[in-house]
Amino acid sequence: MFKVMIVDDETIILSGIKSLVDWEAHGCELAATARNGQDALEQMRRIPIDIVLADINMPVMDGITLMKNASEEFPNTVFIMLTNLEEFELARQALKYHAVDYLVKSQLEAPMLEKAIEHAKVERGSRTYRTVTSAADYMEKEEKKKVISRALQEVIFLKNGVQNEEYIKLIKDSGILLSYCYFYIPFDFLAISGEPVDKEEKARLMDWIQEMLVKTAENIFGDDYILLNTGSSSASVLFVYRLYAGGDADSCKKKFEMFDRKLVSSVKTVTQVECRVFHTGIHDGYDELKKCAGEYRRLMEQYYLGAEQDGENEDDEEGRYEPLGLKGIGSELYHEIMQKNLKGIKDVMDNVETQISNTVHQKSQAIWLLNELNREASAALSKFGIMETSAYERVSSIAVIESINTRKQVLGWLAMLRNTLIDVVGNGDMPGNPLAEKARRYVLNNVESNISLQDTAEHVGVSAGYLSTIFKREYNQSFVDFVNTTKIEHACRLLEEKELMVMEIAYRLGYENAYYFSKVFRKYMGMSPTDYQRRVEDEKNTNKLKK
């Protein structure tokens, strides 16, 4: 059975096409419908679709844009475009982008649609055949890349200096050592909600990210790249070569910028994960591999420290890193907690934060320190018998520490530790929670901005996970619900004034588009923004008549 999707913003058209033919008799299953291109694309990422009937002119994302985007992710999916008579030029453009047919909606009849469907089925089969026939070549290339990937990791990342001669020969003979570099691409999963995602969810997100990474690399670098399997669950490593083939340094720079822009944007849009793109300098020949590897290792530390990429630098000695000088700090924290000395806790944490901020240290030093502080704080709190129910246990877990990749996140964790300990050890000495109240005021003062949990947590000075915990405890409402209800209440006032269109209100309140705004509005108000305006107008007219 061929899976079919119909995309049109007009309900009457959707209903009409659904009932116009016997889909099962034509070997088809009507698998999904959508009201705009964005909704359709999101559903296509969840449901395999063979044939799409899409209106050309739709809000949010039109049919031409949908087809262009879908052709990159789902090249075997076939499009039939639906159009009005006055959109003939757009229909011609649709054919340019390989739509198999276009149908005029006002003249649409069953025989015409059935013919287009049969044509689409044939084209779908042809595209599958072309894919299969090229699969053997593709698999051969991919297998070769896997072997070279293992060789690169063996030769470059082997720290004991013992190198496999066969791997060295393979690399030298492979032709990959012409104008090459490494890309280090770390991912921030904490950006999603401020809390670590579980292993299964993280693995699923990484699968999506790797697919987008490969697609982006193919579009920009062709076949001249190798994705290394380093075993990391928070970063990817890309080896790109023949960078100067058919170009110069300027064209290479443009490719790098395009790769950065497209990958960061697509990863953020699809998964909400934030990523950065770093690259080494461009090198030639086997003798420069060691230098290239040194630059790669330094990129990882640059990312942790929050430094911008500063070009090539041969200084890769660990001696350039400073010791944190915090030996025994965990015991000091334990002592202050046991004494319930809030000032002492603040002083210890001030010392730690100052050292983390002002020394050039390695990530491993900071992670060791966080684990020591966590261990000693947990031991102290357990003496009071409050670990089982306290917010501390939920937000200071090992899983949170393992998710940390940057100095900024280390400082965020330390701020969370400080505020949580004061909250738990102080045991509610102050009425209300000043941190939660500060977050609430931030939302109210920025209702027309794009408000995120992470940004608000940074403003308050705590981790996103901890802010989420204390906000729910204080107001019996999640932070996200509070943001949405606040925005929707403000939207209602703007709708009642009738000075702005729904689309203008959506953008003013920081929503990505009118469609998503309407979806959120309906969730909280039980009706669309337009229906709300009508209801308000009806109530005004009714009140006038009563007077």
Protein backbone atom coordinates (compact mmCIF):
# COMPACT_ATOMS: atom_id res chain seq x y z
CA MET A 1 0.00 0.00 0.00
CA PHE A 2 1.25 3.47 -0.89
CA LYS A 3 0.95 5.90 2.04
CA VAL A 4 -0.66 9.20 0.99
CA MET A 5 -0.77 12.61 2.72
CA ILE A 6 -3.09 15.52 1.77
CA VAL A 7 -1.96 19.04 2.69
CA ASP A 8 -4.38 21.97 2.34
CA ASP A 9 -5.42 24.80 4.65
CA GLU A 10 -9.05 24.67 3.45
CA THR A 11 -11.16 22.12 5.35
CA ILE A 12 -13.63 21.73 2.47
CA ILE A 13 -10.82 20.84 0.05
CA LEU A 14 -9.34 18.31 2.48
CA SER A 15 -12.71 16.64 2.95
CA GLY A 16 -13.48 16.72 -0.76
CA ILE A 17 -10.25 15.04 -1.86
CA LYS A 18 -10.48 12.42 0.90
CA SER A 19 -13.88 11.29 -0.38
CA LEU A 20 -13.31 11.81 -4.12
CA VAL A 21 -11.74 8.39 -4.85
CA ASP A 22 -11.57 4.89 -3.38
CA TRP A 23 -8.00 5.02 -2.08
CA GLU A 24 -7.79 1.34 -1.14
CA ALA A 25 -8.91 0.31 -4.62
CA HIS A 26 -5.89 2.19 -5.98
CA GLY A 27 -3.51 0.47 -3.56
CA CYS A 28 -3.23 3.52 -1.35
CA GLU A 29 -3.74 4.31 2.32
CA LEU A 30 -4.68 7.84 3.38
CA ALA A 31 -2.09 8.03 6.18
CA ALA A 32 -2.21 11.70 7.20
CA THR A 33 -3.57 15.19 6.53
CA ALA A 34 -2.05 18.58 7.33
CA ARG A 35 -3.12 22.23 7.22
CA ASN A 36 0.23 23.74 6.17
CA GLY A 37 3.69 22.77 4.96
CA GLN A 38 5.36 22.97 8.37
CA ASP A 39 2.83 20.59 9.91
CA ALA A 40 3.23 18.26 6.93
CA LEU A 41 7.02 18.20 7.18
CA GLU A 42 6.88 17.40 10.90
CA GLN A 43 4.47 14.52 10.25
CA MET A 44 6.66 13.20 7.42
CA ARG A 45 9.51 12.91 9.91
CA ARG A 46 7.33 10.56 11.97
CA ILE A 47 5.37 8.73 9.27
CA PRO A 48 6.88 7.33 6.03
CA ILE A 49 4.91 8.97 3.18
CA ASP A 50 5.05 7.85 -0.46
CA ILE A 51 2.77 10.41 -2.16
CA VAL A 52 1.88 13.95 -1.09
CA LEU A 53 -0.99 16.03 -2.53
CA ALA A 54 -0.15 19.59 -1.47
CA ASP A 55 -1.75 22.96 -2.00
CA ILE A 56 0.69 25.49 -3.47
CA ASN A 57 -0.55 28.51 -1.53
CA MET A 58 -0.73 27.91 2.26
CA PRO A 59 0.14 29.84 5.44
CA VAL A 60 3.23 29.15 7.59
CA MET A 61 4.96 27.14 4.83
CA ASP A 62 3.69 27.01 1.23
CA GLY A 63 3.63 23.93 -0.97
CA ILE A 64 6.69 24.87 -3.05
CA THR A 65 8.81 25.35 0.07
CA LEU A 66 7.48 22.10 1.52
CA MET A 67 8.45 20.22 -1.62
CA LYS A 68 11.94 21.76 -1.69
CA ASN A 69 12.56 20.89 1.97
CA ALA A 70 11.07 17.42 1.70
CA SER A 71 13.15 16.62 -1.40
CA GLU A 72 16.30 16.97 0.72
CA GLU A 73 15.11 14.73 3.55
CA PHE A 74 12.80 12.37 1.62
CA PRO A 75 14.00 12.27 -2.03
CA ASN A 76 11.79 9.28 -2.89
CA THR A 77 8.52 10.97 -1.85
CA VAL A 78 6.41 12.06 -4.84
CA PHE A 79 4.43 15.32 -4.95
CA ILE A 80 1.20 16.20 -6.75
CA MET A 81 0.51 19.92 -6.44
CA LEU A 82 -2.95 21.47 -6.00
CA THR A 83 -3.42 24.94 -7.45
CA ASN A 84 -5.88 27.65 -8.50
CA LEU A 85 -6.11 28.95 -12.05
CA GLU A 86 -4.37 32.22 -11.20
CA GLU A 87 -1.38 30.31 -9.78
CA PHE A 88 -0.30 28.79 -13.09
CA GLU A 89 3.25 30.18 -12.88
CA LEU A 90 3.64 28.65 -9.43
CA ALA A 91 2.45 25.34 -10.86
CA ARG A 92 5.15 25.52 -13.52
CA GLN A 93 7.68 26.15 -10.76
CA ALA A 94 6.40 23.06 -8.96
CA LEU A 95 7.14 20.95 -12.01
CA LYS A 96 10.62 22.46 -12.07
CA TYR A 97 11.15 20.97 -8.61
CA HIS A 98 10.07 17.53 -9.88
CA ALA A 99 6.40 17.42 -8.91
CA VAL A 100 4.86 14.66 -11.04
CA ASP A 101 1.67 16.62 -11.77
CA TYR A 102 -0.44 19.64 -10.80
CA LEU A 103 -4.21 19.73 -10.51
CA VAL A 104 -6.50 22.77 -10.61
CA LYS A 105 -8.71 22.50 -7.52
CA SER A 106 -11.79 24.12 -9.09
CA GLN A 107 -11.71 21.57 -11.94
CA LEU A 108 -10.77 18.52 -9.88
CA GLU A 109 -12.75 15.37 -10.70
CA ALA A 110 -12.26 11.71 -9.78
CA PRO A 111 -10.80 10.49 -13.15
CA MET A 112 -8.25 13.31 -13.15
CA LEU A 113 -7.15 12.56 -9.59
CA GLU A 114 -7.02 8.79 -10.22
CA LYS A 115 -4.77 9.35 -13.26
CA ALA A 116 -2.42 11.57 -11.23
CA ILE A 117 -2.27 8.95 -8.46
CA GLU A 118 -1.33 6.17 -10.86
CA HIS A 119 1.33 8.41 -12.38
CA ALA A 120 2.70 9.13 -8.89
CA LYS A 121 2.79 5.42 -7.99
CA VAL A 122 4.88 4.66 -11.08
CA GLU A 123 7.27 7.52 -10.29
CA ARG A 124 7.55 6.37 -6.66
CA GLY A 125 8.58 2.91 -7.84
CA SER A 126 11.14 4.38 -10.26
CA ARG A 127 12.74 6.47 -7.55
CA THR A 128 13.03 3.41 -5.30
CA TYR A 129 14.67 1.45 -8.13
CA ARG A 130 17.21 4.21 -8.75
CA THR A 131 18.01 4.26 -5.05
CA VAL A 132 18.50 0.49 -4.89
CA THR A 133 20.72 0.35 -7.98
CA SER A 134 23.07 2.92 -6.49
CA ALA A 135 23.07 1.25 -3.06
CA ALA A 136 25.91 -1.16 -3.86
CA ASP A 137 28.31 1.66 -4.77
CA TYR A 138 27.18 3.59 -1.72
CA MET A 139 27.76 0.64 0.64
CA GLU A 140 31.22 0.06 -0.80
CA LYS A 141 32.15 3.71 -0.18
CA GLU A 142 30.69 3.65 3.32
CA GLU A 143 32.58 0.49 4.27
CA LYS A 144 35.83 2.03 3.05
CA LYS A 145 35.10 5.16 5.10
CA LYS A 146 34.55 3.05 8.22
CA VAL A 147 37.94 1.38 7.82
CA ILE A 148 39.69 4.72 7.24
CA SER A 149 37.80 6.16 10.23
CA ARG A 150 39.22 3.44 12.48
CA ALA A 151 42.68 4.03 11.02
CA LEU A 152 42.50 7.79 11.65
CA GLN A 153 41.48 7.29 15.26
CA GLU A 154 44.19 4.67 15.79
CA VAL A 155 46.93 6.86 14.35
CA ILE A 156 45.88 10.26 15.68
CA PHE A 157 44.26 9.63 19.07
CA LEU A 158 46.55 6.84 20.30
CA LYS A 159 48.23 8.43 23.31
CA ASN A 160 50.95 5.84 23.99
CA GLY A 161 52.65 6.55 20.68
CA VAL A 162 52.43 2.96 19.41
CA GLN A 163 50.95 3.11 15.93
CA ASN A 164 49.72 0.38 13.61
CA GLU A 165 51.91 0.37 10.49
CA GLU A 166 49.09 -1.08 8.35
CA TYR A 167 46.81 1.78 9.36
CA ILE A 168 49.52 4.31 8.57
CA LYS A 169 49.96 2.83 5.09
CA LEU A 170 46.19 2.77 4.53
CA ILE A 171 45.91 6.47 5.41
CA LYS A 172 48.85 7.44 3.21
CA ASP A 173 47.46 5.48 0.25
CA SER A 174 43.83 6.61 0.64
CA GLY A 175 44.24 10.09 -0.78
CA ILE A 176 42.61 11.79 2.21
CA LEU A 177 45.68 13.76 3.30
CA LEU A 178 45.24 16.58 0.79
CA SER A 179 44.14 19.88 2.37
CA TYR A 180 42.34 18.32 5.34
CA CYS A 181 41.03 19.42 8.73
CA TYR A 182 38.99 18.20 11.70
CA PHE A 183 35.62 19.56 12.79
CA TYR A 184 34.78 19.26 16.49
CA ILE A 185 31.00 19.58 16.97
CA PRO A 186 29.78 19.50 20.60
CA PHE A 187 26.06 19.32 21.50
CA ASP A 188 24.36 20.90 24.50
CA PHE A 189 21.46 18.64 25.52
CA LEU A 190 20.86 20.69 28.66
CA ALA A 191 19.56 23.47 26.37
CA ILE A 192 16.34 21.50 25.84
CA SER A 193 14.99 21.87 29.37
CA GLY A 194 17.94 22.55 31.65
CA GLU A 195 17.86 18.95 32.88
CA PRO A 196 19.75 15.92 31.51
CA VAL A 197 17.79 13.77 29.10
CA ASP A 198 17.64 10.04 29.77
CA LYS A 199 19.93 7.69 27.85
CA GLU A 200 17.26 6.40 25.46
CA GLU A 201 16.06 9.88 24.56
CA LYS A 202 19.63 11.10 24.14
CA ALA A 203 20.43 8.17 21.84
CA ARG A 204 17.33 8.92 19.75
CA LEU A 205 18.26 12.59 19.48
CA MET A 206 21.85 11.72 18.52
CA ASP A 207 20.56 9.46 15.72
CA TRP A 208 18.62 12.42 14.31
CA ILE A 209 21.58 14.73 14.73
CA GLN A 210 23.97 12.32 13.01
CA GLU A 211 21.57 12.06 10.06
CA MET A 212 21.42 15.86 9.77
CA LEU A 213 25.20 16.08 10.12
CA VAL A 214 25.78 13.58 7.32
CA LYS A 215 23.20 15.27 5.06
CA THR A 216 24.74 18.71 5.64
CA ALA A 217 28.27 17.40 5.06
CA GLU A 218 27.18 15.73 1.81
CA ASN A 219 25.53 18.91 0.54
CA ILE A 220 28.60 21.06 1.20
CA PHE A 221 31.64 18.74 0.99
CA GLY A 222 30.30 16.03 -1.33
CA ASP A 223 31.99 12.67 -0.68
CA ASP A 224 35.13 14.21 0.79
CA TYR A 225 34.37 13.69 4.47
CA ILE A 226 34.52 10.94 7.09
CA LEU A 227 32.40 10.89 10.24
CA LEU A 228 34.51 9.40 13.03
CA ASN A 229 32.89 7.12 15.58
CA THR A 230 34.64 8.33 18.73
CA GLY A 231 32.07 6.85 21.10
CA SER A 232 31.08 10.26 22.46
CA SER A 233 27.40 10.80 23.24
CA SER A 234 27.76 14.61 23.35
CA ALA A 235 29.94 15.48 20.35
CA SER A 236 30.73 14.48 16.78
CA VAL A 237 34.04 14.57 14.93
CA LEU A 238 34.22 15.13 11.17
CA PHE A 239 37.34 14.71 9.04
CA VAL A 240 37.08 16.69 5.79
CA TYR A 241 39.65 16.54 2.99
CA ARG A 242 40.40 17.87 -0.54
CA LEU A 243 39.22 21.25 0.74
CA TYR A 244 41.18 23.18 -1.88
CA ALA A 245 40.02 20.99 -4.79
CA GLY A 246 38.58 23.37 -7.38
CA GLY A 247 38.81 26.36 -5.07
CA ASP A 248 40.97 28.55 -2.83
CA ALA A 249 41.05 29.67 0.78
CA ASP A 250 38.14 32.10 0.32
CA SER A 251 35.81 29.51 -1.19
CA CYS A 252 36.83 27.09 1.57
CA LYS A 253 35.98 29.70 4.21
CA LYS A 254 32.52 30.18 2.67
CA LYS A 255 31.94 26.42 2.80
CA PHE A 256 32.89 26.35 6.49
CA GLU A 257 30.53 29.24 7.26
CA MET A 258 27.68 27.58 5.34
CA PHE A 259 28.26 24.24 7.09
CA ASP A 260 28.22 25.97 10.48
CA ARG A 261 25.06 27.96 9.75
CA LYS A 262 23.05 25.12 8.26
CA LEU A 263 23.99 22.48 10.82
CA VAL A 264 23.42 24.66 13.88
CA SER A 265 20.07 25.85 12.52
CA SER A 266 18.74 22.42 11.52
CA VAL A 267 19.81 20.72 14.77
CA LYS A 268 18.17 23.46 16.84
CA THR A 269 14.96 23.44 14.78
CA VAL A 270 14.44 19.68 14.78
CA THR A 271 15.74 18.63 18.21
CA GLN A 272 16.02 21.87 20.30
CA VAL A 273 19.62 20.79 21.02
CA GLU A 274 22.20 23.56 20.69
CA CYS A 275 25.51 22.85 18.99
CA ARG A 276 28.74 24.64 18.10
CA VAL A 277 31.06 24.03 15.16
CA PHE A 278 34.85 24.30 15.62
CA HIS A 279 37.52 23.36 13.08
CA THR A 280 41.28 23.01 13.03
CA GLY A 281 43.53 24.72 10.53
CA ILE A 282 43.91 23.14 7.08
CA HIS A 283 46.86 20.75 6.75
CA ASP A 284 48.59 18.66 4.08
CA GLY A 285 50.38 15.35 4.26
CA TYR A 286 50.95 12.68 6.88
CA ASP A 287 53.61 14.63 8.75
CA GLU A 288 51.06 17.29 9.77
CA LEU A 289 48.55 14.83 11.24
CA LYS A 290 50.04 15.12 14.73
CA LYS A 291 49.83 18.91 14.64
CA CYS A 292 46.24 18.68 13.41
CA ALA A 293 45.38 16.29 16.25
CA GLY A 294 46.89 18.69 18.78
CA GLU A 295 44.72 21.50 17.44
CA TYR A 296 41.69 19.23 17.71
CA ARG A 297 42.34 18.48 21.39
CA ARG A 298 42.76 22.18 22.08
CA LEU A 299 39.41 22.91 20.39
CA MET A 300 37.72 20.66 22.95
CA GLU A 301 39.24 22.66 25.81
CA GLN A 302 38.40 25.95 24.08
CA TYR A 303 34.76 24.90 23.95
CA TYR A 304 34.77 23.98 27.63
CA LEU A 305 36.38 27.28 28.64
CA GLY A 306 33.97 29.29 26.49
CA ALA A 307 36.71 30.76 24.32
CA GLU A 308 36.15 31.65 20.69
CA GLN A 309 38.12 29.72 18.08
CA ASP A 310 41.40 31.57 17.77
CA GLY A 311 42.99 29.91 14.77
CA GLU A 312 46.03 27.66 14.66
CA ASN A 313 48.21 27.31 17.73
CA GLU A 314 50.91 24.72 18.25
CA ASP A 315 50.90 25.11 22.03
CA ASP A 316 49.22 21.90 23.13
CA GLU A 317 51.09 21.22 26.36
CA GLU A 318 49.02 20.43 29.44
CA GLY A 319 51.44 22.65 31.42
CA ARG A 320 49.62 25.73 30.20
CA TYR A 321 46.65 24.77 32.41
CA GLU A 322 46.52 26.07 35.98
CA PRO A 323 45.61 24.04 39.08
CA LEU A 324 42.36 25.08 40.73
CA GLY A 325 44.00 25.12 44.15
CA LEU A 326 40.90 23.86 45.96
CA LYS A 327 42.28 20.84 47.77
CA GLY A 328 40.07 19.94 50.74
CA ILE A 329 37.25 22.28 49.68
CA GLY A 330 34.72 19.44 49.89
CA SER A 331 35.53 18.89 53.58
CA GLU A 332 35.12 22.62 54.23
CA LEU A 333 31.67 22.56 52.65
CA TYR A 334 30.73 19.48 54.69
CA HIS A 335 31.74 21.27 57.91
CA GLU A 336 29.73 24.43 57.11
CA ILE A 337 26.62 22.41 56.22
CA MET A 338 26.88 20.42 59.44
CA GLN A 339 27.08 23.71 61.37
CA LYS A 340 24.10 25.05 59.35
CA ASN A 341 26.25 28.10 58.75
CA LEU A 342 24.69 29.87 55.74
CA LYS A 343 27.45 32.50 55.60
CA GLY A 344 30.10 29.78 55.70
CA ILE A 345 28.38 27.92 52.83
CA LYS A 346 28.32 31.14 50.78
CA ASP A 347 32.01 31.82 51.48
CA VAL A 348 33.04 28.31 50.39
CA MET A 349 30.99 28.58 47.20
CA ASP A 350 32.34 32.08 46.48
CA ASN A 351 35.88 30.68 46.64
CA VAL A 352 35.05 27.83 44.27
CA GLU A 353 33.27 30.06 41.75
CA THR A 354 36.14 32.56 41.75
CA GLN A 355 38.71 29.86 41.00
CA ILE A 356 36.61 28.29 38.26
CA SER A 357 36.05 31.72 36.65
CA ASN A 358 39.62 32.99 36.84
CA THR A 359 41.84 29.99 36.07
CA VAL A 360 42.62 28.31 32.76
CA HIS A 361 41.86 24.72 33.75
CA GLN A 362 40.83 21.49 32.09
CA LYS A 363 37.28 20.20 32.10
CA SER A 364 38.39 17.03 33.93
CA GLN A 365 39.58 19.16 36.89
CA ALA A 366 36.19 20.86 37.19
CA ILE A 367 34.21 17.62 36.90
CA TRP A 368 36.33 16.04 39.63
CA LEU A 369 35.64 19.09 41.82
CA LEU A 370 31.89 18.96 41.25
CA ASN A 371 31.77 15.30 42.16
CA GLU A 372 33.71 16.00 45.38
CA LEU A 373 31.37 18.85 46.37
CA ASN A 374 28.33 16.72 45.51
CA ARG A 375 29.65 13.78 47.54
CA GLU A 376 30.42 15.88 50.64
CA ALA A 377 27.16 17.87 50.47
CA SER A 378 25.16 14.65 50.12
CA ALA A 379 26.96 13.12 53.10
CA ALA A 380 26.21 16.16 55.26
CA LEU A 381 22.56 16.42 54.27
CA SER A 382 22.02 12.71 54.86
CA LYS A 383 23.03 13.31 58.50
CA PHE A 384 19.95 15.54 58.80
CA GLY A 385 17.72 12.87 57.23
CA ILE A 386 16.48 15.22 54.50
CA MET A 387 18.15 13.78 51.41
CA GLU A 388 15.24 11.52 50.51
CA THR A 389 12.76 14.33 49.97
CA SER A 390 14.86 17.41 49.30
CA ALA A 391 15.18 19.28 46.02
CA TYR A 392 18.94 18.80 46.37
CA GLU A 393 18.80 15.09 45.57
CA ARG A 394 16.88 15.71 42.33
CA VAL A 395 19.01 18.49 40.87
CA SER A 396 22.51 17.63 42.12
CA SER A 397 22.57 14.09 40.77
CA ILE A 398 25.54 12.45 39.04
CA ALA A 399 23.50 12.48 35.80
CA VAL A 400 23.49 16.29 35.85
CA ILE A 401 27.26 16.46 36.40
CA GLU A 402 27.90 13.97 33.59
CA SER A 403 25.91 16.19 31.21
CA ILE A 404 28.15 19.24 31.83
CA ASN A 405 30.38 20.24 28.93
CA THR A 406 31.29 23.91 29.47
CA ARG A 407 32.68 26.18 32.19
CA LYS A 408 29.45 28.19 31.97
CA GLN A 409 27.49 25.05 32.89
CA VAL A 410 29.93 24.35 35.75
CA LEU A 411 29.25 27.83 37.13
CA GLY A 412 25.53 27.26 36.66
CA TRP A 413 25.77 24.02 38.64
CA LEU A 414 27.70 25.77 41.40
CA ALA A 415 25.07 28.53 41.59
CA MET A 416 22.42 25.83 41.80
CA LEU A 417 24.36 24.08 44.60
CA ARG A 418 24.74 27.33 46.55
CA ASN A 419 21.07 28.31 46.27
CA THR A 420 19.78 24.81 46.88
CA LEU A 421 21.89 24.36 50.02
CA ILE A 422 20.76 27.72 51.35
CA ASP A 423 17.16 26.77 50.59
CA VAL A 424 17.44 23.29 52.14
CA VAL A 425 19.69 24.13 55.12
CA GLY A 426 17.86 27.41 55.82
CA ASN A 427 14.64 25.34 55.83
CA GLY A 428 12.35 28.15 54.75
CA ASP A 429 13.43 30.91 57.11
CA MET A 430 12.03 33.51 54.69
CA PRO A 431 8.35 33.64 53.64
CA GLY A 432 8.04 32.62 50.01
CA ASN A 433 10.99 31.82 47.78
CA PRO A 434 12.78 34.94 46.50
CA LEU A 435 14.30 33.02 43.58
CA ALA A 436 10.91 31.83 42.32
CA GLU A 437 9.47 35.33 42.77
CA LYS A 438 12.37 36.84 40.83
CA ALA A 439 11.65 34.39 37.99
CA ARG A 440 7.94 35.27 38.05
CA ARG A 441 8.72 39.01 37.82
CA TYR A 442 11.12 38.35 34.95
CA VAL A 443 8.33 36.66 32.97
CA LEU A 444 5.84 39.45 33.66
CA ASN A 445 8.34 42.12 32.63
CA ASN A 446 9.30 40.31 29.42
CA VAL A 447 5.94 38.92 28.30
CA GLU A 448 6.49 40.19 24.74
CA SER A 449 9.86 38.45 24.43
CA ASN A 450 10.82 34.86 23.67
CA ILE A 451 11.13 33.58 27.26
CA SER A 452 12.92 30.28 27.92
CA LEU A 453 13.50 28.40 31.15
CA GLN A 454 17.26 28.51 30.54
CA ASP A 455 17.38 32.30 30.03
CA THR A 456 15.24 32.90 33.11
CA ALA A 457 17.40 30.57 35.20
CA GLU A 458 20.52 32.49 34.13
CA HIS A 459 18.81 35.75 35.09
CA VAL A 460 17.91 34.35 38.52
CA GLY A 461 21.32 32.69 38.99
CA VAL A 462 20.33 29.03 39.31
CA SER A 463 20.21 25.99 37.07
CA ALA A 464 17.15 25.50 34.88
CA GLY A 465 16.34 22.22 36.64
CA TYR A 466 16.41 23.79 40.08
CA LEU A 467 14.32 26.79 38.97
CA SER A 468 11.74 24.39 37.55
CA THR A 469 11.59 22.55 40.90
CA ILE A 470 11.21 25.58 43.18
CA PHE A 471 8.77 27.36 40.81
CA LYS A 472 6.42 24.35 40.78
CA ARG A 473 6.72 24.04 44.56
CA GLU A 474 6.06 27.75 45.14
CA TYR A 475 3.20 28.37 42.68
CA ASN A 476 1.81 24.86 42.09
CA GLN A 477 2.26 25.44 38.37
CA SER A 478 5.07 24.54 35.98
CA PHE A 479 7.24 27.36 34.71
CA VAL A 480 6.27 26.64 31.08
CA ASP A 481 2.55 26.76 31.94
CA PHE A 482 3.05 30.07 33.74
CA VAL A 483 4.82 31.57 30.71
CA ASN A 484 2.11 30.39 28.34
CA THR A 485 -0.82 31.49 30.51
CA THR A 486 0.81 34.90 31.01
CA LYS A 487 1.34 35.30 27.27
CA ILE A 488 -2.19 34.13 26.43
CA GLU A 489 -3.73 36.52 28.98
CA HIS A 490 -1.77 39.35 27.34
CA ALA A 491 -2.84 38.10 23.90
CA CYS A 492 -6.49 38.24 24.98
CA ARG A 493 -6.09 41.92 25.87
CA LEU A 494 -4.49 42.64 22.49
CA LEU A 495 -7.24 40.72 20.66
CA GLU A 496 -9.91 42.69 22.50
CA GLU A 497 -8.29 45.95 21.38
CA LYS A 498 -8.53 44.76 17.73
CA GLU A 499 -5.62 46.95 16.64
CA LEU A 500 -3.39 44.07 15.55
CA MET A 501 -3.92 41.01 13.35
CA VAL A 502 -3.47 37.55 14.84
CA MET A 503 -0.17 37.13 12.99
CA GLU A 504 1.13 40.44 14.38
CA ILE A 505 0.16 39.45 17.92
CA ALA A 506 1.92 36.10 17.52
CA TYR A 507 5.20 37.73 16.50
CA ARG A 508 4.86 40.45 19.14
CA LEU A 509 4.61 37.79 21.87
CA GLY A 510 7.68 35.95 20.61
CA TYR A 511 6.01 32.96 18.92
CA GLU A 512 7.71 31.55 15.83
CA ASN A 513 4.57 31.76 13.71
CA ALA A 514 0.82 32.35 13.86
CA TYR A 515 0.09 28.62 13.54
CA TYR A 516 1.95 27.69 16.73
CA PHE A 517 0.49 30.71 18.56
CA SER A 518 -3.03 29.60 17.58
CA LYS A 519 -2.27 26.07 18.76
CA VAL A 520 -1.13 27.30 22.19
CA PHE A 521 -4.04 29.75 22.42
CA ARG A 522 -6.56 26.99 21.71
CA LYS A 523 -4.95 24.74 24.34
CA TYR A 524 -5.41 27.34 27.09
CA MET A 525 -8.59 29.09 25.93
CA GLY A 526 -10.47 26.23 24.25
CA MET A 527 -10.93 28.25 21.05
CA SER A 528 -8.94 29.92 18.29
CA PRO A 529 -7.85 33.59 18.55
CA THR A 530 -10.37 34.51 15.82
CA ASP A 531 -13.20 32.75 17.66
CA TYR A 532 -12.20 34.57 20.84
CA GLN A 533 -12.47 37.92 19.05
CA ARG A 534 -15.91 36.97 17.72
CA ARG A 535 -17.06 35.93 21.20
CA VAL A 536 -15.90 39.22 22.71
CA GLU A 537 -17.66 41.16 19.94
CA ASP A 538 -20.87 39.15 20.42
CA GLU A 539 -20.80 39.83 24.17
CA LYS A 540 -20.38 43.57 23.51
CA ASN A 541 -23.35 43.58 21.11
CA THR A 542 -25.46 41.61 23.57
CA ASN A 543 -24.67 44.06 26.35
CA LYS A 544 -25.61 46.99 24.10
CA LEU A 545 -28.99 45.42 23.31
CA LYS A 546 -29.67 44.85 27.03
CA LYS A 547 -29.08 48.54 27.69
